[in-house]
PDB file of N, CA and C in Angstrom:
ATOM      1  N   UNK A   1     -21.349-143.539  24.193  1.00  0.00           N
ATOM      2  CA  UNK A   1     -20.871-143.426  22.714  1.00  0.00           C
ATOM      3  C   UNK A   1     -19.927-142.689  22.343  1.00  0.00           C
ATOM      4  N   UNK A   2     -18.963-143.140  21.392  1.00  0.00           N
ATOM      5  CA  UNK A   2     -17.707-142.473  21.082  1.00  0.00           C
ATOM      6  C   UNK A   2     -18.208-141.453  20.263  1.00  0.00           C
ATOM      7  N   UNK A   3     -18.572-139.898  20.389  1.00  0.00           N
ATOM      8  CA  UNK A   3     -18.614-138.985  19.280  1.00  0.00           C
ATOM      9  C   UNK A   3     -17.396-138.170  19.021  1.00  0.00           C
ATOM     10  N   UNK A   4     -16.756-138.290  17.927  1.00  0.00           N
ATOM     11  CA  UNK A   4     -15.915-137.745  17.641  1.00  0.00           C
ATOM     12  C   UNK A   4     -15.952-136.979  16.368  1.00  0.00           C
ATOM     13  N   UNK A   5     -15.439-135.631  16.601  1.00  0.00           N
ATOM     14  CA  UNK A   5     -15.662-134.987  15.222  1.00  0.00           C
ATOM     15  C   UNK A   5     -14.897-135.495  14.059  1.00  0.00           C
ATOM     16  N   UNK A   6     -15.409-135.939  13.050  1.00  0.00           N
ATOM     17  CA  UNK A   6     -15.082-136.363  11.764  1.00  0.00           C
ATOM     18  C   UNK A   6     -13.810-135.435  10.904  1.00  0.00           C
ATOM     19  N   UNK A   7     -14.188-134.188  11.146  1.00  0.00           N
ATOM     20  CA  UNK A   7     -12.825-133.257  10.974  1.00  0.00           C
ATOM     21  C   UNK A   7     -11.382-133.300  11.594  1.00  0.00           C
ATOM     22  N   UNK A   8     -11.594-133.999  12.929  1.00  0.00           N
ATOM     23  CA  UNK A   8     -10.404-133.939  13.629  1.00  0.00           C
ATOM     24  C   UNK A   8      -9.310-134.859  12.998  1.00  0.00           C
ATOM     25  N   UNK A   9     -10.067-136.044  12.394  1.00  0.00           N
ATOM     26  CA  UNK A   9      -9.051-136.798  11.548  1.00  0.00           C
ATOM     27  C   UNK A   9      -8.787-136.488  10.099  1.00  0.00           C
ATOM     28  N   UNK A  10      -8.734-135.402   9.748  1.00  0.00           N
ATOM     29  CA  UNK A  10      -8.642-134.880   8.519  1.00  0.00           C
ATOM     30  C   UNK A  10      -7.505-134.149   8.520  1.00  0.00           C
ATOM     31  N   UNK A  11      -6.490-133.959   7.308  1.00  0.00           N
ATOM     32  CA  UNK A  11      -5.713-132.860   7.581  1.00  0.00           C
ATOM     33  C   UNK A  11      -6.043-131.822   6.416  1.00  0.00           C
ATOM     34  N   UNK A  12      -5.109-130.890   6.374  1.00  0.00           N
ATOM     35  CA  UNK A  12      -5.489-129.594   5.378  1.00  0.00           C
ATOM     36  C   UNK A  12      -5.058-130.176   4.003  1.00  0.00           C
ATOM     37  N   UNK A  13      -6.123-130.029   3.017  1.00  0.00           N
ATOM     38  CA  UNK A  13      -5.784-130.163   1.636  1.00  0.00           C
ATOM     39  C   UNK A  13      -4.580-129.346   1.307  1.00  0.00           C
ATOM     40  N   UNK A  14      -4.058-128.309   1.720  1.00  0.00           N
ATOM     41  CA  UNK A  14      -3.142-127.675   1.332  1.00  0.00           C
ATOM     42  C   UNK A  14      -1.843-128.130   1.642  1.00  0.00           C
ATOM     43  N   UNK A  15      -1.919-128.837   2.794  1.00  0.00           N
ATOM     44  CA  UNK A  15      -0.645-129.660   3.568  1.00  0.00           C
ATOM     45  C   UNK A  15      -0.509-130.907   2.626  1.00  0.00           C
ATOM     46  N   UNK A  16      -1.505-131.649   2.175  1.00  0.00           N
ATOM     47  CA  UNK A  16      -1.562-132.632   1.459  1.00  0.00           C
ATOM     48  C   UNK A  16      -1.047-132.221   0.195  1.00  0.00           C
ATOM     49  N   UNK A  17      -1.408-131.459  -0.555  1.00  0.00           N
ATOM     50  CA  UNK A  17      -0.686-130.778  -1.818  1.00  0.00           C
ATOM     51  C   UNK A  17       0.971-130.846  -1.694  1.00  0.00           C
ATOM     52  N   UNK A  18       1.419-130.189  -0.756  1.00  0.00           N
ATOM     53  CA  UNK A  18       2.558-129.792  -0.545  1.00  0.00           C
ATOM     54  C   UNK A  18       3.494-131.493  -0.604  1.00  0.00           C
ATOM     55  N   UNK A  19       3.007-132.030   0.045  1.00  0.00           N
ATOM     56  CA  UNK A  19       3.360-133.627   0.217  1.00  0.00           C
ATOM     57  C   UNK A  19       3.320-134.365  -1.275  1.00  0.00           C
ATOM     58  N   UNK A  20       2.301-134.389  -1.921  1.00  0.00           N
ATOM     59  CA  UNK A  20       2.022-134.605  -3.025  1.00  0.00           C
ATOM     60  C   UNK A  20       3.323-134.148  -4.061  1.00  0.00           C
ATOM     61  N   UNK A  21       3.253-133.058  -3.878  1.00  0.00           N
ATOM     62  CA  UNK A  21       4.590-132.255  -4.776  1.00  0.00           C
ATOM     63  C   UNK A  21       5.706-132.774  -4.401  1.00  0.00           C
ATOM     64  N   UNK A  22       5.990-133.204  -3.145  1.00  0.00           N
ATOM     65  CA  UNK A  22       7.354-133.784  -2.692  1.00  0.00           C
ATOM     66  C   UNK A  22       7.801-134.997  -3.288  1.00  0.00           C
ATOM     67  N   UNK A  23       6.586-135.950  -3.122  1.00  0.00           N
ATOM     68  CA  UNK A  23       6.853-137.077  -3.432  1.00  0.00           C
ATOM     69  C   UNK A  23       6.906-137.155  -5.080  1.00  0.00           C
ATOM     70  N   UNK A  24       6.318-136.484  -5.595  1.00  0.00           N
ATOM     71  CA  UNK A  24       6.313-136.603  -6.962  1.00  0.00           C
ATOM     72  C   UNK A  24       7.304-136.059  -7.747  1.00  0.00           C
ATOM     73  N   UNK A  25       7.994-135.038  -6.967  1.00  0.00           N
ATOM     74  CA  UNK A  25       9.726-134.390  -7.356  1.00  0.00           C
ATOM     75  C   UNK A  25      10.789-135.763  -6.987  1.00  0.00           C
ATOM     76  N   UNK A  26      10.368-136.357  -5.848  1.00  0.00           N
ATOM     77  CA  UNK A  26      11.538-137.148  -5.285  1.00  0.00           C
ATOM     78  C   UNK A  26      11.420-138.374  -6.366  1.00  0.00           C
ATOM     79  N   UNK A  27      10.231-138.802  -6.639  1.00  0.00           N
ATOM     80  CA  UNK A  27       9.904-140.003  -7.717  1.00  0.00           C
ATOM     81  C   UNK A  27      10.217-139.456  -8.890  1.00  0.00           C
ATOM     82  N   UNK A  28      10.455-138.470  -9.205  1.00  0.00           N
ATOM     83  CA  UNK A  28      11.083-138.140 -10.919  1.00  0.00           C
ATOM     84  C   UNK A  28      12.365-138.324 -10.695  1.00  0.00           C
ATOM     85  N   UNK A  29      13.101-137.796  -9.663  1.00  0.00           N
ATOM     86  CA  UNK A  29      14.568-138.056  -9.217  1.00  0.00           C
ATOM     87  C   UNK A  29      14.833-139.482  -9.374  1.00  0.00           C
ATOM     88  N   UNK A  30      14.124-140.149  -8.910  1.00  0.00           N
ATOM     89  CA  UNK A  30      14.313-141.811  -8.697  1.00  0.00           C
ATOM     90  C   UNK A  30      14.383-142.517 -10.211  1.00  0.00           C
ATOM     91  N   UNK A  31      13.219-142.125 -10.751  1.00  0.00           N
ATOM     92  CA  UNK A  31      13.238-142.576 -12.037  1.00  0.00           C
ATOM     93  C   UNK A  31      14.427-142.084 -12.980  1.00  0.00           C
ATOM     94  N   UNK A  32      14.584-140.792 -12.968  1.00  0.00           N
ATOM     95  CA  UNK A  32      15.734-140.133 -13.405  1.00  0.00           C
ATOM     96  C   UNK A  32      16.939-140.667 -13.482  1.00  0.00           C
ATOM     97  N   UNK A  33      17.333-141.270 -11.983  1.00  0.00           N
ATOM     98  CA  UNK A  33      18.617-141.678 -11.914  1.00  0.00           C
ATOM     99  C   UNK A  33      18.733-143.025 -12.507  1.00  0.00           C
ATOM    100  N   UNK A  34      17.693-143.778 -12.454  1.00  0.00           N
ATOM    101  CA  UNK A  34      17.436-145.399 -12.681  1.00  0.00           C
ATOM    102  C   UNK A  34      17.919-145.343 -14.386  1.00  0.00           C
ATOM    103  N   UNK A  35      17.391-144.051 -14.996  1.00  0.00           N
ATOM    104  CA  UNK A  35      17.273-144.176 -16.405  1.00  0.00           C
ATOM    105  C   UNK A  35      18.504-143.698 -17.072  1.00  0.00           C
ATOM    106  N   UNK A  36      19.293-142.914 -16.144  1.00  0.00           N
ATOM    107  CA  UNK A  36      20.526-142.333 -16.507  1.00  0.00           C
ATOM    108  C   UNK A  36      21.428-143.639 -16.126  1.00  0.00           C
ATOM    109  N   UNK A  37      21.185-144.202 -15.289  1.00  0.00           N
ATOM    110  CA  UNK A  37      22.376-145.333 -14.754  1.00  0.00           C
ATOM    111  C   UNK A  37      22.084-146.579 -15.816  1.00  0.00           C
ATOM    112  N   UNK A  38      20.866-146.804 -16.151  1.00  0.00           N
ATOM    113  CA  UNK A  38      20.571-147.765 -17.340  1.00  0.00           C
ATOM    114  C   UNK A  38      21.638-147.382 -18.699  1.00  0.00           C
ATOM    115  N   UNK A  39      21.696-146.407 -18.874  1.00  0.00           N
ATOM    116  CA  UNK A  39      22.272-145.760 -20.056  1.00  0.00           C
ATOM    117  C   UNK A  39      23.961-145.428 -19.928  1.00  0.00           C
ATOM    118  N   UNK A  40      24.374-145.853 -18.723  1.00  0.00           N
ATOM    119  CA  UNK A  40      25.744-145.819 -18.394  1.00  0.00           C
ATOM    120  C   UNK A  40      26.569-146.586 -19.208  1.00  0.00           C
ATOM    121  N   UNK A  41      27.730-146.239 -19.786  1.00  0.00           N
ATOM    122  CA  UNK A  41      28.543-146.741 -20.809  1.00  0.00           C
ATOM    123  C   UNK A  41      29.688-148.308 -19.991  1.00  0.00           C
ATOM    124  N   UNK A  42      29.515-148.087 -18.791  1.00  0.00           N
ATOM    125  CA  UNK A  42      29.983-149.453 -18.183  1.00  0.00           C
ATOM    126  C   UNK A  42      28.827-150.398 -18.313  1.00  0.00           C
ATOM    127  N   UNK A  43      29.684-151.442 -18.770  1.00  0.00           N
ATOM    128  CA  UNK A  43      28.606-152.894 -19.081  1.00  0.00           C
ATOM    129  C   UNK A  43      27.911-153.336 -17.851  1.00  0.00           C
ATOM    130  N   UNK A  44      26.663-153.902 -17.842  1.00  0.00           N
ATOM    131  CA  UNK A  44      26.103-154.561 -16.887  1.00  0.00           C
ATOM    132  C   UNK A  44      26.249-155.640 -16.259  1.00  0.00           C
ATOM    133  N   UNK A  45      26.625-156.310 -15.036  1.00  0.00           N
ATOM    134  CA  UNK A  45      27.269-157.409 -14.616  1.00  0.00           C
ATOM    135  C   UNK A  45      25.800-157.902 -13.842  1.00  0.00           C
ATOM    136  N   UNK A  46      25.814-159.280 -13.573  1.00  0.00           N
ATOM    137  CA  UNK A  46      24.800-159.642 -12.863  1.00  0.00           C
ATOM    138  C   UNK A  46      24.994-159.219 -11.071  1.00  0.00           C
ATOM    139  N   UNK A  47      26.208-158.550 -10.586  1.00  0.00           N
ATOM    140  CA  UNK A  47      26.071-158.377  -9.384  1.00  0.00           C
ATOM    141  C   UNK A  47      25.441-156.824  -9.400  1.00  0.00           C
ATOM    142  N   UNK A  48      25.280-156.227 -10.418  1.00  0.00           N
ATOM    143  CA  UNK A  48      24.585-154.867 -10.213  1.00  0.00           C
ATOM    144  C   UNK A  48      22.950-155.068 -10.024  1.00  0.00           C
ATOM    145  N   UNK A  49      22.555-156.091  -9.892  1.00  0.00           N
ATOM    146  CA  UNK A  49      20.957-156.336  -9.628  1.00  0.00           C
ATOM    147  C   UNK A  49      21.125-156.100  -8.156  1.00  0.00           C
ATOM    148  N   UNK A  50      22.265-156.330  -7.361  1.00  0.00           N
ATOM    149  CA  UNK A  50      22.649-155.701  -5.964  1.00  0.00           C
ATOM    150  C   UNK A  50      21.914-154.208  -5.748  1.00  0.00           C
ATOM    151  N   UNK A  51      22.059-153.453  -6.532  1.00  0.00           N
ATOM    152  CA  UNK A  51      21.635-152.167  -6.511  1.00  0.00           C
ATOM    153  C   UNK A  51      20.245-151.803  -7.212  1.00  0.00           C
ATOM    154  N   UNK A  52      20.028-152.632  -8.642  1.00  0.00           N
ATOM    155  CA  UNK A  52      18.809-152.296  -9.045  1.00  0.00           C
ATOM    156  C   UNK A  52      17.573-152.687  -8.385  1.00  0.00           C
ATOM    157  N   UNK A  53      17.675-153.966  -7.674  1.00  0.00           N
ATOM    158  CA  UNK A  53      16.627-154.326  -6.809  1.00  0.00           C
ATOM    159  C   UNK A  53      15.814-153.452  -5.904  1.00  0.00           C
ATOM    160  N   UNK A  54      16.772-153.023  -5.172  1.00  0.00           N
ATOM    161  CA  UNK A  54      16.326-151.912  -4.113  1.00  0.00           C
ATOM    162  C   UNK A  54      15.886-150.686  -4.549  1.00  0.00           C
ATOM    163  N   UNK A  55      16.435-150.021  -5.887  1.00  0.00           N
ATOM    164  CA  UNK A  55      15.940-149.055  -6.529  1.00  0.00           C
ATOM    165  C   UNK A  55      14.732-149.081  -6.996  1.00  0.00           C
ATOM    166  N   UNK A  56      14.245-150.359  -7.677  1.00  0.00           N
ATOM    167  CA  UNK A  56      13.050-150.572  -8.400  1.00  0.00           C
ATOM    168  C   UNK A  56      12.128-150.951  -7.445  1.00  0.00           C
ATOM    169  N   UNK A  57      12.449-151.508  -6.194  1.00  0.00           N
ATOM    170  CA  UNK A  57      11.352-151.572  -4.903  1.00  0.00           C
ATOM    171  C   UNK A  57      11.298-150.207  -4.586  1.00  0.00           C
ATOM    172  N   UNK A  58      12.305-149.458  -4.060  1.00  0.00           N
ATOM    173  CA  UNK A  58      11.806-147.771  -3.853  1.00  0.00           C
ATOM    174  C   UNK A  58      11.053-147.195  -4.571  1.00  0.00           C
ATOM    175  N   UNK A  59      11.335-147.372  -6.151  1.00  0.00           N
ATOM    176  CA  UNK A  59      10.620-146.474  -7.108  1.00  0.00           C
ATOM    177  C   UNK A  59       8.959-147.187  -6.897  1.00  0.00           C
ATOM    178  N   UNK A  60       8.808-148.438  -6.685  1.00  0.00           N
ATOM    179  CA  UNK A  60       7.440-149.100  -6.691  1.00  0.00           C
ATOM    180  C   UNK A  60       6.851-148.553  -5.513  1.00  0.00           C
ATOM    181  N   UNK A  61       7.366-148.219  -4.433  1.00  0.00           N
ATOM    182  CA  UNK A  61       6.876-147.812  -3.115  1.00  0.00           C
ATOM    183  C   UNK A  61       6.447-146.746  -3.307  1.00  0.00           C
ATOM    184  N   UNK A  62       7.472-145.604  -3.776  1.00  0.00           N
ATOM    185  CA  UNK A  62       6.943-144.280  -3.950  1.00  0.00           C
ATOM    186  C   UNK A  62       6.021-144.130  -4.982  1.00  0.00           C
ATOM    187  N   UNK A  63       5.798-144.789  -6.218  1.00  0.00           N
ATOM    188  CA  UNK A  63       4.546-144.665  -6.707  1.00  0.00           C
ATOM    189  C   UNK A  63       3.426-145.212  -5.809  1.00  0.00           C
ATOM    190  N   UNK A  64       3.459-145.889  -5.251  1.00  0.00           N
ATOM    191  CA  UNK A  64       1.990-146.350  -4.587  1.00  0.00           C
ATOM    192  C   UNK A  64       2.087-145.609  -3.468  1.00  0.00           C
ATOM    193  N   UNK A  65       2.894-144.510  -2.733  1.00  0.00           N
ATOM    194  CA  UNK A  65       2.514-143.734  -2.186  1.00  0.00           C
ATOM    195  C   UNK A  65       1.891-142.436  -2.884  1.00  0.00           C
ATOM    196  N   UNK A  66       2.571-141.900  -3.876  1.00  0.00           N
ATOM    197  CA  UNK A  66       1.644-141.142  -4.573  1.00  0.00           C
ATOM    198  C   UNK A  66       0.437-141.687  -5.157  1.00  0.00           C
ATOM    199  N   UNK A  67       0.171-142.892  -5.662  1.00  0.00           N
ATOM    200  CA  UNK A  67      -1.258-143.093  -5.929  1.00  0.00           C
ATOM    201  C   UNK A  67      -2.252-142.891  -4.794  1.00  0.00           C
ATOM    202  N   UNK A  68      -1.779-143.159  -3.219  1.00  0.00           N
ATOM    203  CA  UNK A  68      -2.376-143.217  -2.222  1.00  0.00           C
ATOM    204  C   UNK A  68      -2.945-141.487  -1.762  1.00  0.00           C
ATOM    205  N   UNK A  69      -1.743-140.951  -2.113  1.00  0.00           N
ATOM    206  CA  UNK A  69      -1.967-139.314  -1.853  1.00  0.00           C
ATOM    207  C   UNK A  69      -2.629-138.632  -2.899  1.00  0.00           C
ATOM    208  N   UNK A  70      -2.612-139.328  -4.101  1.00  0.00           N
ATOM    209  CA  UNK A  70      -3.752-138.392  -4.909  1.00  0.00           C
ATOM    210  C   UNK A  70      -5.082-138.897  -4.998  1.00  0.00           C
ATOM    211  N   UNK A  71      -5.530-139.884  -4.050  1.00  0.00           N
ATOM    212  CA  UNK A  71      -7.037-140.110  -4.079  1.00  0.00           C
ATOM    213  C   UNK A  71      -7.382-139.523  -2.784  1.00  0.00           C
ATOM    214  N   UNK A  72      -8.717-138.815  -2.715  1.00  0.00           N
ATOM    215  CA  UNK A  72      -9.343-137.918  -2.148  1.00  0.00           C
ATOM    216  C   UNK A  72      -9.360-138.303  -0.663  1.00  0.00           C
ATOM    217  N   UNK A  73      -9.512-140.009  -0.517  1.00  0.00           N
ATOM    218  CA  UNK A  73      -9.273-140.182   0.931  1.00  0.00           C
ATOM    219  C   UNK A  73      -8.248-140.097   1.609  1.00  0.00           C
ATOM    220  N   UNK A  74      -7.196-139.680   0.895  1.00  0.00           N
ATOM    221  CA  UNK A  74      -5.785-139.565   1.767  1.00  0.00           C
ATOM    222  C   UNK A  74      -5.764-138.205   2.450  1.00  0.00           C
ATOM    223  N   UNK A  75      -7.169-137.292   2.526  1.00  0.00           N
ATOM    224  CA  UNK A  75      -7.294-136.442   3.315  1.00  0.00           C
ATOM    225  C   UNK A  75      -7.347-136.936   4.414  1.00  0.00           C
ATOM    226  N   UNK A  76      -7.857-138.277   5.278  1.00  0.00           N
ATOM    227  CA  UNK A  76      -7.879-138.829   6.111  1.00  0.00           C
ATOM    228  C   UNK A  76      -6.754-139.255   6.752  1.00  0.00           C
ATOM    229  N   UNK A  77      -6.403-138.465   8.220  1.00  0.00           N
ATOM    230  CA  UNK A  77      -4.971-138.654   8.630  1.00  0.00           C
ATOM    231  C   UNK A  77      -4.743-140.166   8.512  1.00  0.00           C
ATOM    232  N   UNK A  78      -5.437-141.265   8.706  1.00  0.00           N
ATOM    233  CA  UNK A  78      -4.566-142.472   8.976  1.00  0.00           C
ATOM    234  C   UNK A  78      -4.184-142.772   7.398  1.00  0.00           C
ATOM    235  N   UNK A  79      -4.893-142.842   6.420  1.00  0.00           N
ATOM    236  CA  UNK A  79      -4.461-142.706   5.096  1.00  0.00           C
ATOM    237  C   UNK A  79      -3.079-142.208   4.654  1.00  0.00           C
ATOM    238  N   UNK A  80      -3.158-140.897   5.218  1.00  0.00           N
ATOM    239  CA  UNK A  80      -1.971-139.955   4.895  1.00  0.00           C
ATOM    240  C   UNK A  80      -0.953-140.385   5.450  1.00  0.00           C
ATOM    241  N   UNK A  81      -1.040-140.868   6.897  1.00  0.00           N
ATOM    242  CA  UNK A  81       0.168-141.231   7.553  1.00  0.00           C
ATOM    243  C   UNK A  81       0.239-142.533   6.827  1.00  0.00           C
ATOM    244  N   UNK A  82      -0.129-143.614   6.403  1.00  0.00           N
ATOM    245  CA  UNK A  82       0.291-144.710   5.853  1.00  0.00           C
ATOM    246  C   UNK A  82       0.879-144.416   4.401  1.00  0.00           C
ATOM    247  N   UNK A  83       0.385-143.670   3.712  1.00  0.00           N
ATOM    248  CA  UNK A  83       1.151-143.176   2.555  1.00  0.00           C
ATOM    249  C   UNK A  83       2.630-142.690   2.827  1.00  0.00           C
ATOM    250  N   UNK A  84       2.666-141.625   3.806  1.00  0.00           N
ATOM    251  CA  UNK A  84       3.807-141.146   4.262  1.00  0.00           C
ATOM    252  C   UNK A  84       4.807-142.528   4.515  1.00  0.00           C
ATOM    253  N   UNK A  85       4.582-143.275   5.271  1.00  0.00           N
ATOM    254  CA  UNK A  85       5.380-144.538   5.833  1.00  0.00           C
ATOM    255  C   UNK A  85       5.643-145.128   4.807  1.00  0.00           C
ATOM    256  N   UNK A  86       4.956-145.323   3.708  1.00  0.00           N
ATOM    257  CA  UNK A  86       5.256-146.282   2.399  1.00  0.00           C
ATOM    258  C   UNK A  86       6.059-145.282   1.390  1.00  0.00           C
ATOM    259  N   UNK A  87       5.982-143.949   1.530  1.00  0.00           N
ATOM    260  CA  UNK A  87       7.116-143.360   0.820  1.00  0.00           C
ATOM    261  C   UNK A  87       8.455-143.186   1.539  1.00  0.00           C
ATOM    262  N   UNK A  88       8.340-143.065   2.752  1.00  0.00           N
ATOM    263  CA  UNK A  88       9.889-143.019   3.720  1.00  0.00           C
ATOM    264  C   UNK A  88      10.458-144.432   3.227  1.00  0.00           C
ATOM    265  N   UNK A  89       9.810-145.724   3.481  1.00  0.00           N
ATOM    266  CA  UNK A  89      10.233-146.953   3.237  1.00  0.00           C
ATOM    267  C   UNK A  89      10.807-147.038   1.850  1.00  0.00           C
ATOM    268  N   UNK A  90      10.125-146.353   0.520  1.00  0.00           N
ATOM    269  CA  UNK A  90      10.653-146.472  -0.576  1.00  0.00           C
ATOM    270  C   UNK A  90      11.752-145.430  -1.113  1.00  0.00           C
ATOM    271  N   UNK A  91      11.679-144.375  -0.282  1.00  0.00           N
ATOM    272  CA  UNK A  91      12.702-143.608  -0.235  1.00  0.00           C
ATOM    273  C   UNK A  91      14.194-144.195   0.407  1.00  0.00           C
ATOM    274  N   UNK A  92      13.852-144.974   1.556  1.00  0.00           N
ATOM    275  CA  UNK A  92      14.955-145.484   1.879  1.00  0.00           C
ATOM    276  C   UNK A  92      15.827-146.593   0.986  1.00  0.00           C
ATOM    277  N   UNK A  93      14.655-147.563   0.482  1.00  0.00           N
ATOM    278  CA  UNK A  93      15.081-148.609  -0.260  1.00  0.00           C
ATOM    279  C   UNK A  93      15.833-148.066  -1.844  1.00  0.00           C
ATOM    280  N   UNK A  94      15.205-146.614  -2.307  1.00  0.00           N
ATOM    281  CA  UNK A  94      15.835-145.955  -3.310  1.00  0.00           C
ATOM    282  C   UNK A  94      17.188-145.752  -3.074  1.00  0.00           C
ATOM    283  N   UNK A  95      17.655-144.949  -1.845  1.00  0.00           N
ATOM    284  CA  UNK A  95      18.735-144.428  -1.619  1.00  0.00           C
ATOM    285  C   UNK A  95      19.664-145.446  -1.069  1.00  0.00           C
ATOM    286  N   UNK A  96      19.135-146.589  -0.782  1.00  0.00           N
ATOM    287  CA  UNK A  96      20.303-147.734  -0.474  1.00  0.00           C
ATOM    288  C   UNK A  96      20.619-148.035  -1.828  1.00  0.00           C
ATOM    289  N   UNK A  97      19.604-148.547  -2.754  1.00  0.00           N
ATOM    290  CA  UNK A  97      20.256-148.784  -4.221  1.00  0.00           C
ATOM    291  C   UNK A  97      20.792-147.814  -4.647  1.00  0.00           C
ATOM    292  N   UNK A  98      20.888-146.782  -4.710  1.00  0.00           N
ATOM    293  CA  UNK A  98      21.727-145.589  -5.412  1.00  0.00           C
ATOM    294  C   UNK A  98      23.238-145.529  -4.763  1.00  0.00           C
ATOM    295  N   UNK A  99      23.298-145.712  -3.592  1.00  0.00           N
ATOM    296  CA  UNK A  99      24.374-146.018  -2.883  1.00  0.00           C
ATOM    297  C   UNK A  99      25.170-146.980  -2.946  1.00  0.00           C
ATOM    298  N   UNK A 100      24.493-148.069  -3.250  1.00  0.00           N
ATOM    299  CA  UNK A 100      25.144-149.450  -3.920  1.00  0.00           C
ATOM    300  C   UNK A 100      25.718-149.071  -5.115  1.00  0.00           C
ATOM    301  N   UNK A 101      24.856-148.707  -6.190  1.00  0.00           N
ATOM    302  CA  UNK A 101      25.221-148.482  -7.523  1.00  0.00           C
ATOM    303  C   UNK A 101      26.314-147.775  -7.519  1.00  0.00           C
ATOM    304  N   UNK A 102      26.665-146.583  -6.873  1.00  0.00           N
ATOM    305  CA  UNK A 102      27.594-145.634  -6.976  1.00  0.00           C
ATOM    306  C   UNK A 102      29.065-146.647  -6.596  1.00  0.00           C
ATOM    307  N   UNK A 103      28.779-147.243  -5.380  1.00  0.00           N
ATOM    308  CA  UNK A 103      29.909-148.077  -4.924  1.00  0.00           C
ATOM    309  C   UNK A 103      30.170-148.901  -6.120  1.00  0.00           C
ATOM    310  N   UNK A 104      29.510-149.350  -6.586  1.00  0.00           N
ATOM    311  CA  UNK A 104      29.587-150.683  -7.871  1.00  0.00           C
ATOM    312  C   UNK A 104      30.373-149.867  -8.720  1.00  0.00           C
ATOM    313  N   UNK A 105      30.155-149.098  -9.152  1.00  0.00           N
ATOM    314  CA  UNK A 105      30.575-148.431 -10.378  1.00  0.00           C
ATOM    315  C   UNK A 105      31.993-147.612 -10.031  1.00  0.00           C
ATOM    316  N   UNK A 106      32.305-147.400  -8.554  1.00  0.00           N
ATOM    317  CA  UNK A 106      33.595-146.812  -8.007  1.00  0.00           C
ATOM    318  C   UNK A 106      34.448-147.962  -8.151  1.00  0.00           C
ATOM    319  N   UNK A 107      33.842-149.162  -7.626  1.00  0.00           N
ATOM    320  CA  UNK A 107      34.940-150.249  -7.332  1.00  0.00           C
ATOM    321  C   UNK A 107      35.198-150.877  -8.960  1.00  0.00           C
ATOM    322  N   UNK A 108      34.403-150.943  -9.674  1.00  0.00           N
ATOM    323  CA  UNK A 108      34.512-150.973 -11.225  1.00  0.00           C
ATOM    324  C   UNK A 108      35.525-150.737 -11.903  1.00  0.00           C
ATOM    325  N   UNK A 109      35.444-149.247 -11.528  1.00  0.00           N
ATOM    326  CA  UNK A 109      36.458-148.019 -12.038  1.00  0.00           C
ATOM    327  C   UNK A 109      37.985-148.411 -11.780  1.00  0.00           C
ATOM    328  N   UNK A 110      37.691-148.351 -10.476  1.00  0.00           N
ATOM    329  CA  UNK A 110      38.854-148.497  -9.572  1.00  0.00           C
ATOM    330  C   UNK A 110      39.607-149.882  -9.749  1.00  0.00           C
ATOM    331  N   UNK A 111      38.941-151.008 -10.018  1.00  0.00           N
ATOM    332  CA  UNK A 111      39.555-152.314 -10.243  1.00  0.00           C
ATOM    333  C   UNK A 111      40.197-152.133 -11.714  1.00  0.00           C
ATOM    334  N   UNK A 112      39.463-151.426 -12.758  1.00  0.00           N
ATOM    335  CA  UNK A 112      40.055-151.625 -13.987  1.00  0.00           C
ATOM    336  C   UNK A 112      41.257-150.621 -14.110  1.00  0.00           C
ATOM    337  N   UNK A 113      41.418-149.278 -13.285  1.00  0.00           N
ATOM    338  CA  UNK A 113      42.560-148.653 -13.493  1.00  0.00           C
ATOM    339  C   UNK A 113      43.682-149.360 -12.636  1.00  0.00           C
ATOM    340  N   UNK A 114      43.388-150.205 -11.749  1.00  0.00           N
ATOM    341  CA  UNK A 114      44.558-151.191 -11.045  1.00  0.00           C
ATOM    342  C   UNK A 114      45.270-151.982 -11.809  1.00  0.00           C
ATOM    343  N   UNK A 115      44.566-152.378 -12.918  1.00  0.00           N
ATOM    344  CA  UNK A 115      45.204-153.472 -13.851  1.00  0.00           C
ATOM    345  C   UNK A 115      46.496-152.702 -14.748  1.00  0.00           C
ATOM    346  N   UNK A 116      47.290-153.729 -14.788  1.00  0.00           N
ATOM    347  CA  UNK A 116      48.784-153.472 -15.536  1.00  0.00           C
ATOM    348  C   UNK A 116      47.823-152.792 -17.079  1.00  0.00           C
ATOM    349  N   UNK A 117      48.542-151.985 -18.113  1.00  0.00           N
ATOM    350  CA  UNK A 117      48.468-151.463 -19.222  1.00  0.00           C
ATOM    351  C   UNK A 117      48.590-152.543 -20.285  1.00  0.00           C
ATOM    352  N   UNK A 118      49.895-153.746 -19.689  1.00  0.00           N
ATOM    353  CA  UNK A 118      50.364-154.284 -20.855  1.00  0.00           C
ATOM    354  C   UNK A 118      49.611-155.675 -20.706  1.00  0.00           C
TER     355      UNK A 118
END
């Protein structure tokens, strides 16, 4: 029989708490960015969805990771690792969307400044 120590597949609660803090802070930055960008004086266009969708998907994944990490079962190593993978995926989506948002705003402003004033 496979007699495995159940404590072997657990992570330290202190380690998990640090991860929860990190995920919470980065989620707050992501939510803050989308809120700030929504209030941007540049009018929204349909092509802005190219940036908004990855940001919203990334935020949703970050929220899912945070909810997994807040559960007591996240002390089990497989669940903790799954939450970390979900979080990293969400972070990649969010960062990609933020990068696209910055590029779209840059090209929007650059296009307007290249137009003749008359």
